[in-house]
Amino acid sequence: MRGEDVTKVSTFILVGFPTAPGLQYLLFLLFLLTYLFVLVENLAIILTVWSSASLHRPMYYFLSSMSFLEIWYVSDITPKMLEGFLLQRKRISFVGCMTHSLVCTECVLLASMAYDRYVAICHPLRYYVLVTPGLCLQLVGFSFVSGFTISIIKVYFISSVTFCGSNALNHFFCDISPILKLACTDFSTAELVDFILAFIILVFPLLATVLSYGHITLAVLRIPSATSRWKAFSTCASHLTVVTIFYMAMIFTYVRPQAIDSQSSNKLISAVYTVVTPIINPLIYCLRNKEFKDELQKALGLGQTSY
């Protein structure tokens, strides 16, 4: 390969959703409304939890941390999409590309929430002994630290890869696979490191979640009353639904067969877990939670009783 054909790029171009100009404005409006809705609903959760003394409990601490993560997550992706739709500015720096690490954080945080539900159902009398505020803080801190650590390791290995030819990424945000497809030098080490890190951060939290729900299922089945069994299971049904949606999207994105592997399907599935799930997660967690809805109404001034 000639030396002049090899280029070490510092910026990438996000192709996004190539459509007619009129449809670009429609997509801009759609994603803008979606983004604003995500911000409002997750900010409402955070403010309600922190302003209501009755919600100062581990479960709601994890829930507000998840809402903070959702806000950060969509703010990392959606504004760049909106800029591309409206102004056709689709360039992103290499460092900006590599800071997309919050999926890793969500994996660990979901596993932490599964542990919280396990203790609440299997060891209710020792709940506040086993799940202390200090432990909650450590688990949330570990979730974010693990995400950023993985991002730094990926940057270190991928920064040694040389890119040549086009720097256009056929995606609406930076992902490892489309980036490595632009490499013209050996990237086997970076690919191996990415695989190992993905395995660790996806499989181990998933294993912890499955083990937690395995113990929860056995504990619920031992409850003699059908009403009590349903009440116990309903306390973790919302979290289980969110976990299922999240990992199904991950599996279809990264583990699906080559026969159905295409950039269009990849972008569509990625849109589910980057834009759609931040909308439905708060709804799943909160609409079924009467305690939270009552506190939200009080915070909005809708639950005041007249004397």
C-alpha atoms as a PDB file:
ATOM      1  CA  MET A   1       0.000   0.000   0.000  1.00  0.00           C
ATOM      2  CA  ARG A   2       1.414   3.414  -0.919  1.00  0.00           C
ATOM      3  CA  GLY A   3       2.250   5.763   1.923  1.00  0.00           C
ATOM      4  CA  GLU A   4       0.146   8.583   0.516  1.00  0.00           C
ATOM      5  CA  ASP A   5      -2.964   6.410   0.680  1.00  0.00           C
ATOM      6  CA  VAL A   6      -2.654   5.948   4.428  1.00  0.00           C
ATOM      7  CA  THR A   7      -4.209   8.654   6.578  1.00  0.00           C
ATOM      8  CA  LYS A   8      -4.357   8.964  10.352  1.00  0.00           C
ATOM      9  CA  VAL A   9      -7.704  10.701  10.766  1.00  0.00           C
ATOM     10  CA  SER A  10      -8.643  12.824  13.759  1.00  0.00           C
ATOM     11  CA  THR A  11     -12.306  13.272  12.890  1.00  0.00           C
ATOM     12  CA  PHE A  12     -15.099  11.063  11.596  1.00  0.00           C
ATOM     13  CA  ILE A  13     -18.265  11.829   9.648  1.00  0.00           C
ATOM     14  CA  LEU A  14     -21.488  10.331  10.999  1.00  0.00           C
ATOM     15  CA  VAL A  15     -23.666   9.353   8.036  1.00  0.00           C
ATOM     16  CA  GLY A  16     -26.726   9.079  10.271  1.00  0.00           C
ATOM     17  CA  PHE A  17     -30.062   8.542   8.497  1.00  0.00           C
ATOM     18  CA  PRO A  18     -29.582   9.635   4.877  1.00  0.00           C
ATOM     19  CA  THR A  19     -32.989  10.796   3.610  1.00  0.00           C
ATOM     20  CA  ALA A  20     -34.579  13.573   1.564  1.00  0.00           C
ATOM     21  CA  PRO A  21     -34.131  17.097   3.024  1.00  0.00           C
ATOM     22  CA  GLY A  22     -37.802  17.384   3.953  1.00  0.00           C
ATOM     23  CA  LEU A  23     -37.670  14.142   5.896  1.00  0.00           C
ATOM     24  CA  GLN A  24     -34.536  15.355   7.680  1.00  0.00           C
ATOM     25  CA  TYR A  25     -36.550  18.191   9.236  1.00  0.00           C
ATOM     26  CA  LEU A  26     -39.267  15.739  10.238  1.00  0.00           C
ATOM     27  CA  LEU A  27     -36.695  13.494  11.903  1.00  0.00           C
ATOM     28  CA  PHE A  28     -35.231  16.548  13.625  1.00  0.00           C
ATOM     29  CA  LEU A  29     -38.612  17.418  15.117  1.00  0.00           C
ATOM     30  CA  LEU A  30     -39.284  13.813  16.128  1.00  0.00           C
ATOM     31  CA  PHE A  31     -35.949  13.329  17.888  1.00  0.00           C
ATOM     32  CA  LEU A  32     -36.099  16.813  19.455  1.00  0.00           C
ATOM     33  CA  LEU A  33     -39.488  16.070  21.049  1.00  0.00           C
ATOM     34  CA  THR A  34     -38.193  12.670  22.147  1.00  0.00           C
ATOM     35  CA  TYR A  35     -35.099  14.233  23.687  1.00  0.00           C
ATOM     36  CA  LEU A  36     -37.100  16.876  25.560  1.00  0.00           C
ATOM     37  CA  PHE A  37     -39.515  14.233  26.843  1.00  0.00           C
ATOM     38  CA  VAL A  38     -36.633  12.108  28.145  1.00  0.00           C
ATOM     39  CA  LEU A  39     -35.146  15.123  29.937  1.00  0.00           C
ATOM     40  CA  VAL A  40     -38.456  16.125  31.540  1.00  0.00           C
ATOM     41  CA  GLU A  41     -39.502  12.683  32.779  1.00  0.00           C
ATOM     42  CA  ASN A  42     -36.075  11.756  34.156  1.00  0.00           C
ATOM     43  CA  LEU A  43     -35.558  15.139  35.804  1.00  0.00           C
ATOM     44  CA  ALA A  44     -39.000  14.699  37.393  1.00  0.00           C
ATOM     45  CA  ILE A  45     -37.876  11.377  38.858  1.00  0.00           C
ATOM     46  CA  ILE A  46     -34.631  12.810  40.230  1.00  0.00           C
ATOM     47  CA  LEU A  47     -36.279  15.871  41.782  1.00  0.00           C
ATOM     48  CA  THR A  48     -39.162  13.848  43.244  1.00  0.00           C
ATOM     49  CA  VAL A  49     -36.838  11.293  44.852  1.00  0.00           C
ATOM     50  CA  TRP A  50     -34.529  13.894  46.345  1.00  0.00           C
ATOM     51  CA  SER A  51     -37.339  16.169  47.577  1.00  0.00           C
ATOM     52  CA  SER A  52     -39.474  13.418  49.179  1.00  0.00           C
ATOM     53  CA  ALA A  53     -38.200  12.053  52.488  1.00  0.00           C
ATOM     54  CA  SER A  54     -40.325   8.907  52.136  1.00  0.00           C
ATOM     55  CA  LEU A  55     -38.427   8.007  48.942  1.00  0.00           C
ATOM     56  CA  HIS A  56     -34.989   8.223  50.527  1.00  0.00           C
ATOM     57  CA  ARG A  57     -34.489   4.482  50.259  1.00  0.00           C
ATOM     58  CA  PRO A  58     -32.013   2.326  48.281  1.00  0.00           C
ATOM     59  CA  MET A  59     -34.472   1.367  45.530  1.00  0.00           C
ATOM     60  CA  TYR A  60     -35.259   4.996  44.733  1.00  0.00           C
ATOM     61  CA  TYR A  61     -31.614   5.998  45.054  1.00  0.00           C
ATOM     62  CA  PHE A  62     -30.793   3.493  42.296  1.00  0.00           C
ATOM     63  CA  LEU A  63     -33.785   4.722  40.291  1.00  0.00           C
ATOM     64  CA  SER A  64     -32.654   8.362  40.445  1.00  0.00           C
ATOM     65  CA  SER A  65     -29.117   7.270  39.498  1.00  0.00           C
ATOM     66  CA  MET A  66     -30.554   5.441  36.486  1.00  0.00           C
ATOM     67  CA  SER A  67     -32.484   8.573  35.505  1.00  0.00           C
ATOM     68  CA  PHE A  68     -29.285  10.632  35.753  1.00  0.00           C
ATOM     69  CA  LEU A  69     -27.574   8.062  33.538  1.00  0.00           C
ATOM     70  CA  GLU A  70     -30.415   8.200  30.984  1.00  0.00           C
ATOM     71  CA  ILE A  71     -30.131  12.005  30.789  1.00  0.00           C
ATOM     72  CA  TRP A  72     -26.376  11.802  30.325  1.00  0.00           C
ATOM     73  CA  TYR A  73     -26.754   9.002  27.799  1.00  0.00           C
ATOM     74  CA  VAL A  74     -29.209  10.738  25.478  1.00  0.00           C
ATOM     75  CA  SER A  75     -27.330  14.043  25.867  1.00  0.00           C
ATOM     76  CA  ASP A  76     -24.207  12.269  24.648  1.00  0.00           C
ATOM     77  CA  ILE A  77     -25.909  11.127  21.424  1.00  0.00           C
ATOM     78  CA  THR A  78     -29.057  13.061  20.545  1.00  0.00           C
ATOM     79  CA  PRO A  79     -27.718  16.665  20.275  1.00  0.00           C
ATOM     80  CA  LYS A  80     -25.198  15.506  17.670  1.00  0.00           C
ATOM     81  CA  MET A  81     -28.003  13.762  15.771  1.00  0.00           C
ATOM     82  CA  LEU A  82     -30.128  16.939  15.889  1.00  0.00           C
ATOM     83  CA  GLU A  83     -27.210  19.000  14.609  1.00  0.00           C
ATOM     84  CA  GLY A  84     -26.810  16.587  11.723  1.00  0.00           C
ATOM     85  CA  PHE A  85     -30.513  16.705  10.833  1.00  0.00           C
ATOM     86  CA  LEU A  86     -30.839  20.488  10.960  1.00  0.00           C
ATOM     87  CA  LEU A  87     -27.412  21.862  10.018  1.00  0.00           C
ATOM     88  CA  GLN A  88     -25.845  18.844   8.286  1.00  0.00           C
ATOM     89  CA  ARG A  89     -22.868  19.094  10.659  1.00  0.00           C
ATOM     90  CA  LYS A  90     -21.873  15.483  11.076  1.00  0.00           C
ATOM     91  CA  ARG A  91     -18.207  15.637  12.040  1.00  0.00           C
ATOM     92  CA  ILE A  92     -17.095  14.270  15.381  1.00  0.00           C
ATOM     93  CA  SER A  93     -13.609  14.084  16.843  1.00  0.00           C
ATOM     94  CA  PHE A  94     -11.859  10.809  17.552  1.00  0.00           C
ATOM     95  CA  VAL A  95     -11.859  11.542  21.302  1.00  0.00           C
ATOM     96  CA  GLY A  96     -15.548  12.450  21.154  1.00  0.00           C
ATOM     97  CA  CYS A  97     -16.185   9.125  19.483  1.00  0.00           C
ATOM     98  CA  MET A  98     -14.446   7.193  22.208  1.00  0.00           C
ATOM     99  CA  THR A  99     -16.328   8.755  25.132  1.00  0.00           C
ATOM    100  CA  HIS A 100     -19.435   6.707  24.321  1.00  0.00           C
ATOM    101  CA  SER A 101     -19.077   4.414  27.351  1.00  0.00           C
ATOM    102  CA  LEU A 102     -22.360   4.698  29.188  1.00  0.00           C
ATOM    103  CA  VAL A 103     -23.762   1.385  27.924  1.00  0.00           C
ATOM    104  CA  CYS A 104     -21.132  -0.281  30.118  1.00  0.00           C
ATOM    105  CA  THR A 105     -22.251   1.811  33.070  1.00  0.00           C
ATOM    106  CA  GLU A 106     -25.886   0.791  32.584  1.00  0.00           C
ATOM    107  CA  CYS A 107     -24.988  -2.924  32.615  1.00  0.00           C
ATOM    108  CA  VAL A 108     -23.395  -2.659  36.069  1.00  0.00           C
ATOM    109  CA  LEU A 109     -26.135  -0.381  37.405  1.00  0.00           C
ATOM    110  CA  LEU A 110     -28.865  -2.806  36.306  1.00  0.00           C
ATOM    111  CA  ALA A 111     -27.019  -5.627  38.077  1.00  0.00           C
ATOM    112  CA  SER A 112     -26.818  -3.496  41.237  1.00  0.00           C
ATOM    113  CA  MET A 113     -30.566  -2.910  41.094  1.00  0.00           C
ATOM    114  CA  ALA A 114     -31.119  -6.663  40.694  1.00  0.00           C
ATOM    115  CA  TYR A 115     -29.109  -7.249  43.882  1.00  0.00           C
ATOM    116  CA  ASP A 116     -31.260  -4.663  45.658  1.00  0.00           C
ATOM    117  CA  ARG A 117     -34.426  -6.534  44.627  1.00  0.00           C
ATOM    118  CA  TYR A 118     -32.859  -9.860  45.676  1.00  0.00           C
ATOM    119  CA  VAL A 119     -32.163  -8.613  49.194  1.00  0.00           C
ATOM    120  CA  ALA A 120     -35.598  -6.951  49.485  1.00  0.00           C
ATOM    121  CA  ILE A 121     -37.427 -10.192  48.652  1.00  0.00           C
ATOM    122  CA  CYS A 122     -35.111 -12.912  49.976  1.00  0.00           C
ATOM    123  CA  HIS A 123     -33.867 -11.116  53.118  1.00  0.00           C
ATOM    124  CA  PRO A 124     -36.510  -8.471  53.934  1.00  0.00           C
ATOM    125  CA  LEU A 125     -35.705  -8.309  57.660  1.00  0.00           C
ATOM    126  CA  ARG A 126     -32.039  -7.555  56.945  1.00  0.00           C
ATOM    127  CA  TYR A 127     -32.646  -5.266  53.985  1.00  0.00           C
ATOM    128  CA  TYR A 128     -31.403  -2.046  55.560  1.00  0.00           C
ATOM    129  CA  VAL A 129     -28.450  -3.902  57.077  1.00  0.00           C
ATOM    130  CA  LEU A 130     -27.288  -5.443  53.790  1.00  0.00           C
ATOM    131  CA  VAL A 131     -28.189  -2.530  51.489  1.00  0.00           C
ATOM    132  CA  THR A 132     -26.770   0.495  53.278  1.00  0.00           C
ATOM    133  CA  PRO A 133     -26.492   4.017  51.843  1.00  0.00           C
ATOM    134  CA  GLY A 134     -22.725   3.521  51.736  1.00  0.00           C
ATOM    135  CA  LEU A 135     -23.085   0.345  49.678  1.00  0.00           C
ATOM    136  CA  CYS A 136     -25.500   2.082  47.299  1.00  0.00           C
ATOM    137  CA  LEU A 137     -22.998   4.870  46.777  1.00  0.00           C
ATOM    138  CA  GLN A 138     -20.214   2.357  46.150  1.00  0.00           C
ATOM    139  CA  LEU A 139     -22.268   0.377  43.616  1.00  0.00           C
ATOM    140  CA  VAL A 140     -23.315   3.480  41.685  1.00  0.00           C
ATOM    141  CA  GLY A 141     -19.757   4.836  41.805  1.00  0.00           C
ATOM    142  CA  PHE A 142     -18.388   1.512  40.565  1.00  0.00           C
ATOM    143  CA  SER A 143     -20.905   1.564  37.692  1.00  0.00           C
ATOM    144  CA  PHE A 144     -19.638   4.898  36.412  1.00  0.00           C
ATOM    145  CA  VAL A 145     -15.957   4.205  37.102  1.00  0.00           C
ATOM    146  CA  SER A 146     -16.132   0.892  35.219  1.00  0.00           C
ATOM    147  CA  GLY A 147     -17.693   2.613  32.211  1.00  0.00           C
ATOM    148  CA  PHE A 148     -15.035   5.317  32.044  1.00  0.00           C
ATOM    149  CA  THR A 149     -12.212   2.826  32.654  1.00  0.00           C
ATOM    150  CA  ILE A 150     -13.337   0.712  29.716  1.00  0.00           C
ATOM    151  CA  SER A 151     -13.565   3.849  27.568  1.00  0.00           C
ATOM    152  CA  ILE A 152      -9.970   4.806  28.423  1.00  0.00           C
ATOM    153  CA  ILE A 153      -8.668   1.298  27.647  1.00  0.00           C
ATOM    154  CA  LYS A 154     -10.476   1.287  24.288  1.00  0.00           C
ATOM    155  CA  VAL A 155      -9.077   4.713  23.395  1.00  0.00           C
ATOM    156  CA  TYR A 156      -5.557   3.504  24.176  1.00  0.00           C
ATOM    157  CA  PHE A 157      -5.741   0.501  21.840  1.00  0.00           C
ATOM    158  CA  ILE A 158      -7.828   2.016  19.039  1.00  0.00           C
ATOM    159  CA  SER A 159      -5.668   5.160  18.918  1.00  0.00           C
ATOM    160  CA  SER A 160      -2.819   2.975  17.641  1.00  0.00           C
ATOM    161  CA  VAL A 161      -4.885   1.914  14.607  1.00  0.00           C
ATOM    162  CA  THR A 162      -4.258   3.709  11.292  1.00  0.00           C
ATOM    163  CA  PHE A 163      -7.275   4.665   9.178  1.00  0.00           C
ATOM    164  CA  CYS A 164      -7.200   5.198   5.458  1.00  0.00           C
ATOM    165  CA  GLY A 165      -9.626   6.131   2.710  1.00  0.00           C
ATOM    166  CA  SER A 166     -13.056   7.274   3.824  1.00  0.00           C
ATOM    167  CA  ASN A 167     -13.637   8.467   7.388  1.00  0.00           C
ATOM    168  CA  ALA A 168     -17.440   8.174   7.064  1.00  0.00           C
ATOM    169  CA  LEU A 169     -19.158   6.064   9.755  1.00  0.00           C
ATOM    170  CA  ASN A 170     -22.423   4.560   8.536  1.00  0.00           C
ATOM    171  CA  HIS A 171     -24.118   5.147  11.871  1.00  0.00           C
ATOM    172  CA  PHE A 172     -25.703   7.960  13.891  1.00  0.00           C
ATOM    173  CA  PHE A 173     -23.270   7.608  16.803  1.00  0.00           C
ATOM    174  CA  CYS A 174     -19.785   6.201  17.300  1.00  0.00           C
ATOM    175  CA  ASP A 175     -19.556   2.468  17.791  1.00  0.00           C
ATOM    176  CA  ILE A 176     -16.486   0.251  17.791  1.00  0.00           C
ATOM    177  CA  SER A 177     -17.462  -2.041  14.899  1.00  0.00           C
ATOM    178  CA  PRO A 178     -18.021   0.655  12.228  1.00  0.00           C
ATOM    179  CA  ILE A 179     -14.891   2.481  13.392  1.00  0.00           C
ATOM    180  CA  LEU A 180     -12.668  -0.593  13.028  1.00  0.00           C
ATOM    181  CA  LYS A 181     -14.102  -1.224   9.548  1.00  0.00           C
ATOM    182  CA  LEU A 182     -12.282   1.951   8.447  1.00  0.00           C
ATOM    183  CA  ALA A 183      -8.885   0.655   9.600  1.00  0.00           C
ATOM    184  CA  CYS A 184      -6.267  -0.241   7.000  1.00  0.00           C
ATOM    185  CA  THR A 185      -3.684  -1.664   9.408  1.00  0.00           C
ATOM    186  CA  ASP A 186      -3.873  -4.697  11.659  1.00  0.00           C
ATOM    187  CA  PHE A 187      -6.475  -4.049  14.336  1.00  0.00           C
ATOM    188  CA  SER A 188      -6.689  -7.591  15.753  1.00  0.00           C
ATOM    189  CA  THR A 189      -5.330  -6.478  19.140  1.00  0.00           C
ATOM    190  CA  ALA A 190      -7.857  -3.645  19.441  1.00  0.00           C
ATOM    191  CA  GLU A 191     -10.633  -5.994  18.336  1.00  0.00           C
ATOM    192  CA  LEU A 192      -9.583  -8.645  20.862  1.00  0.00           C
ATOM    193  CA  VAL A 193      -9.427  -6.100  23.687  1.00  0.00           C
ATOM    194  CA  ASP A 194     -12.862  -4.775  22.715  1.00  0.00           C
ATOM    195  CA  PHE A 195     -14.267  -8.323  22.751  1.00  0.00           C
ATOM    196  CA  ILE A 196     -12.760  -9.134  26.160  1.00  0.00           C
ATOM    197  CA  LEU A 197     -13.991  -5.882  27.699  1.00  0.00           C
ATOM    198  CA  ALA A 198     -17.454  -6.351  26.181  1.00  0.00           C
ATOM    199  CA  PHE A 199     -17.580  -9.900  27.536  1.00  0.00           C
ATOM    200  CA  ILE A 200     -16.609  -8.764  31.033  1.00  0.00           C
ATOM    201  CA  ILE A 201     -18.937  -5.773  31.224  1.00  0.00           C
ATOM    202  CA  LEU A 202     -21.920  -7.498  29.592  1.00  0.00           C
ATOM    203  CA  VAL A 203     -21.745 -11.129  30.695  1.00  0.00           C
ATOM    204  CA  PHE A 204     -20.724 -10.753  34.344  1.00  0.00           C
ATOM    205  CA  PRO A 205     -23.435  -8.178  35.218  1.00  0.00           C
ATOM    206  CA  LEU A 206     -25.937 -10.302  33.275  1.00  0.00           C
ATOM    207  CA  LEU A 207     -24.841 -13.379  35.224  1.00  0.00           C
ATOM    208  CA  ALA A 208     -25.248 -11.493  38.508  1.00  0.00           C
ATOM    209  CA  THR A 209     -28.725 -10.374  37.406  1.00  0.00           C
ATOM    210  CA  VAL A 210     -29.767 -13.902  36.397  1.00  0.00           C
ATOM    211  CA  LEU A 211     -28.503 -15.353  39.692  1.00  0.00           C
ATOM    212  CA  SER A 212     -30.366 -12.675  41.645  1.00  0.00           C
ATOM    213  CA  TYR A 213     -33.621 -13.402  39.850  1.00  0.00           C
ATOM    214  CA  GLY A 214     -33.055 -17.136  40.188  1.00  0.00           C
ATOM    215  CA  HIS A 215     -32.977 -16.748  43.981  1.00  0.00           C
ATOM    216  CA  ILE A 216     -35.951 -14.357  43.805  1.00  0.00           C
ATOM    217  CA  THR A 217     -37.993 -16.891  41.816  1.00  0.00           C
ATOM    218  CA  LEU A 218     -37.263 -19.688  44.305  1.00  0.00           C
ATOM    219  CA  ALA A 219     -38.147 -17.424  47.227  1.00  0.00           C
ATOM    220  CA  VAL A 220     -41.410 -16.286  45.605  1.00  0.00           C
ATOM    221  CA  LEU A 221     -42.457 -19.869  44.800  1.00  0.00           C
ATOM    222  CA  ARG A 222     -42.093 -20.797  48.481  1.00  0.00           C
ATOM    223  CA  ILE A 223     -44.674 -18.168  49.494  1.00  0.00           C
ATOM    224  CA  PRO A 224     -47.928 -20.043  50.235  1.00  0.00           C
ATOM    225  CA  SER A 225     -50.386 -17.282  49.342  1.00  0.00           C
ATOM    226  CA  ALA A 226     -50.958 -16.540  45.657  1.00  0.00           C
ATOM    227  CA  THR A 227     -51.714 -12.905  46.487  1.00  0.00           C
ATOM    228  CA  SER A 228     -48.467 -12.560  48.422  1.00  0.00           C
ATOM    229  CA  ARG A 229     -46.537 -14.242  45.597  1.00  0.00           C
ATOM    230  CA  TRP A 230     -47.899 -11.772  43.061  1.00  0.00           C
ATOM    231  CA  LYS A 231     -47.181  -8.810  45.354  1.00  0.00           C
ATOM    232  CA  ALA A 232     -43.585  -9.975  45.864  1.00  0.00           C
ATOM    233  CA  PHE A 233     -42.995 -10.530  42.159  1.00  0.00           C
ATOM    234  CA  SER A 234     -44.587  -7.198  41.179  1.00  0.00           C
ATOM    235  CA  THR A 235     -41.928  -5.348  43.191  1.00  0.00           C
ATOM    236  CA  CYS A 236     -39.273  -6.493  40.711  1.00  0.00           C
ATOM    237  CA  ALA A 237     -41.371  -6.874  37.539  1.00  0.00           C
ATOM    238  CA  SER A 238     -40.522  -3.361  36.330  1.00  0.00           C
ATOM    239  CA  HIS A 239     -36.778  -3.890  36.695  1.00  0.00           C
ATOM    240  CA  LEU A 240     -36.983  -7.298  35.031  1.00  0.00           C
ATOM    241  CA  THR A 241     -38.825  -5.745  32.072  1.00  0.00           C
ATOM    242  CA  VAL A 242     -36.160  -3.044  31.655  1.00  0.00           C
ATOM    243  CA  VAL A 243     -33.353  -5.626  31.884  1.00  0.00           C
ATOM    244  CA  THR A 244     -35.033  -7.811  29.261  1.00  0.00           C
ATOM    245  CA  ILE A 245     -35.473  -4.919  26.804  1.00  0.00           C
ATOM    246  CA  PHE A 246     -31.891  -3.729  27.340  1.00  0.00           C
ATOM    247  CA  TYR A 247     -30.192  -7.092  26.832  1.00  0.00           C
ATOM    248  CA  MET A 248     -32.415  -8.065  23.897  1.00  0.00           C
ATOM    249  CA  ALA A 249     -31.305  -4.884  22.141  1.00  0.00           C
ATOM    250  CA  MET A 250     -27.661  -5.654  22.985  1.00  0.00           C
ATOM    251  CA  ILE A 251     -27.938  -9.219  21.690  1.00  0.00           C
ATOM    252  CA  PHE A 252     -29.635  -8.221  18.436  1.00  0.00           C
ATOM    253  CA  THR A 253     -27.024  -5.508  17.897  1.00  0.00           C
ATOM    254  CA  TYR A 254     -23.827  -7.427  18.644  1.00  0.00           C
ATOM    255  CA  VAL A 255     -24.644 -11.163  18.574  1.00  0.00           C
ATOM    256  CA  ARG A 256     -27.141 -11.522  15.718  1.00  0.00           C
ATOM    257  CA  PRO A 257     -26.326 -13.829  12.770  1.00  0.00           C
ATOM    258  CA  GLN A 258     -24.527 -12.462   9.726  1.00  0.00           C
ATOM    259  CA  ALA A 259     -27.594 -13.298   7.594  1.00  0.00           C
ATOM    260  CA  ILE A 260     -29.541 -10.429   9.150  1.00  0.00           C
ATOM    261  CA  ASP A 261     -26.531  -8.164   9.679  1.00  0.00           C
ATOM    262  CA  SER A 262     -26.999  -4.855   7.882  1.00  0.00           C
ATOM    263  CA  GLN A 263     -26.258  -1.241   8.632  1.00  0.00           C
ATOM    264  CA  SER A 264     -29.935  -0.320   8.374  1.00  0.00           C
ATOM    265  CA  SER A 265     -31.037  -2.913  10.935  1.00  0.00           C
ATOM    266  CA  ASN A 266     -28.038  -2.019  13.112  1.00  0.00           C
ATOM    267  CA  LYS A 267     -29.050   1.646  13.196  1.00  0.00           C
ATOM    268  CA  LEU A 268     -32.684   0.797  13.848  1.00  0.00           C
ATOM    269  CA  ILE A 269     -31.889  -1.510  16.763  1.00  0.00           C
ATOM    270  CA  SER A 270     -29.343   0.972  18.122  1.00  0.00           C
ATOM    271  CA  ALA A 271     -32.034   3.653  18.049  1.00  0.00           C
ATOM    272  CA  VAL A 272     -34.140   1.421  20.302  1.00  0.00           C
ATOM    273  CA  TYR A 273     -31.651   1.276  23.164  1.00  0.00           C
ATOM    274  CA  THR A 274     -30.215   4.786  22.719  1.00  0.00           C
ATOM    275  CA  VAL A 275     -33.424   6.788  22.220  1.00  0.00           C
ATOM    276  CA  VAL A 276     -36.516   4.654  22.827  1.00  0.00           C
ATOM    277  CA  THR A 277     -35.513   2.844  26.038  1.00  0.00           C
ATOM    278  CA  PRO A 278     -34.659   6.102  27.876  1.00  0.00           C
ATOM    279  CA  ILE A 279     -38.303   7.081  27.231  1.00  0.00           C
ATOM    280  CA  ILE A 280     -39.969   3.869  28.326  1.00  0.00           C
ATOM    281  CA  ASN A 281     -37.695   3.016  31.269  1.00  0.00           C
ATOM    282  CA  PRO A 282     -39.057   5.765  33.568  1.00  0.00           C
ATOM    283  CA  LEU A 283     -42.610   4.923  32.493  1.00  0.00           C
ATOM    284  CA  ILE A 284     -42.080   1.238  33.299  1.00  0.00           C
ATOM    285  CA  TYR A 285     -40.536   1.999  36.686  1.00  0.00           C
ATOM    286  CA  CYS A 286     -42.924   4.703  37.821  1.00  0.00           C
ATOM    287  CA  LEU A 287     -46.365   4.129  36.302  1.00  0.00           C
ATOM    288  CA  ARG A 288     -46.765   0.869  38.262  1.00  0.00           C
ATOM    289  CA  ASN A 289     -45.419   2.411  41.463  1.00  0.00           C
ATOM    290  CA  LYS A 290     -48.254   3.975  43.465  1.00  0.00           C
ATOM    291  CA  GLU A 291     -45.909   5.304  46.148  1.00  0.00           C
ATOM    292  CA  PHE A 292     -43.839   7.207  43.618  1.00  0.00           C
ATOM    293  CA  LYS A 293     -46.909   8.505  41.756  1.00  0.00           C
ATOM    294  CA  ASP A 294     -48.345   9.868  45.023  1.00  0.00           C
ATOM    295  CA  GLU A 295     -45.083  11.665  45.814  1.00  0.00           C
ATOM    296  CA  LEU A 296     -44.870  13.020  42.263  1.00  0.00           C
ATOM    297  CA  GLN A 297     -48.390  14.433  42.569  1.00  0.00           C
ATOM    298  CA  LYS A 298     -47.422  16.082  45.854  1.00  0.00           C
ATOM    299  CA  ALA A 299     -44.294  17.545  44.272  1.00  0.00           C
ATOM    300  CA  LEU A 300     -46.413  18.956  41.437  1.00  0.00           C
ATOM    301  CA  GLY A 301     -48.995  20.281  43.862  1.00  0.00           C
ATOM    302  CA  LEU A 302     -51.676  17.889  42.621  1.00  0.00           C
ATOM    303  CA  GLY A 303     -51.987  15.746  45.698  1.00  0.00           C
ATOM    304  CA  GLN A 304     -52.799  18.365  48.286  1.00  0.00           C
ATOM    305  CA  THR A 305     -55.832  17.589  50.393  1.00  0.00           C
ATOM    306  CA  SER A 306     -58.278  20.271  51.386  1.00  0.00           C
ATOM    307  CA  TYR A 307     -59.117  20.822  55.047  1.00  0.00           C
END
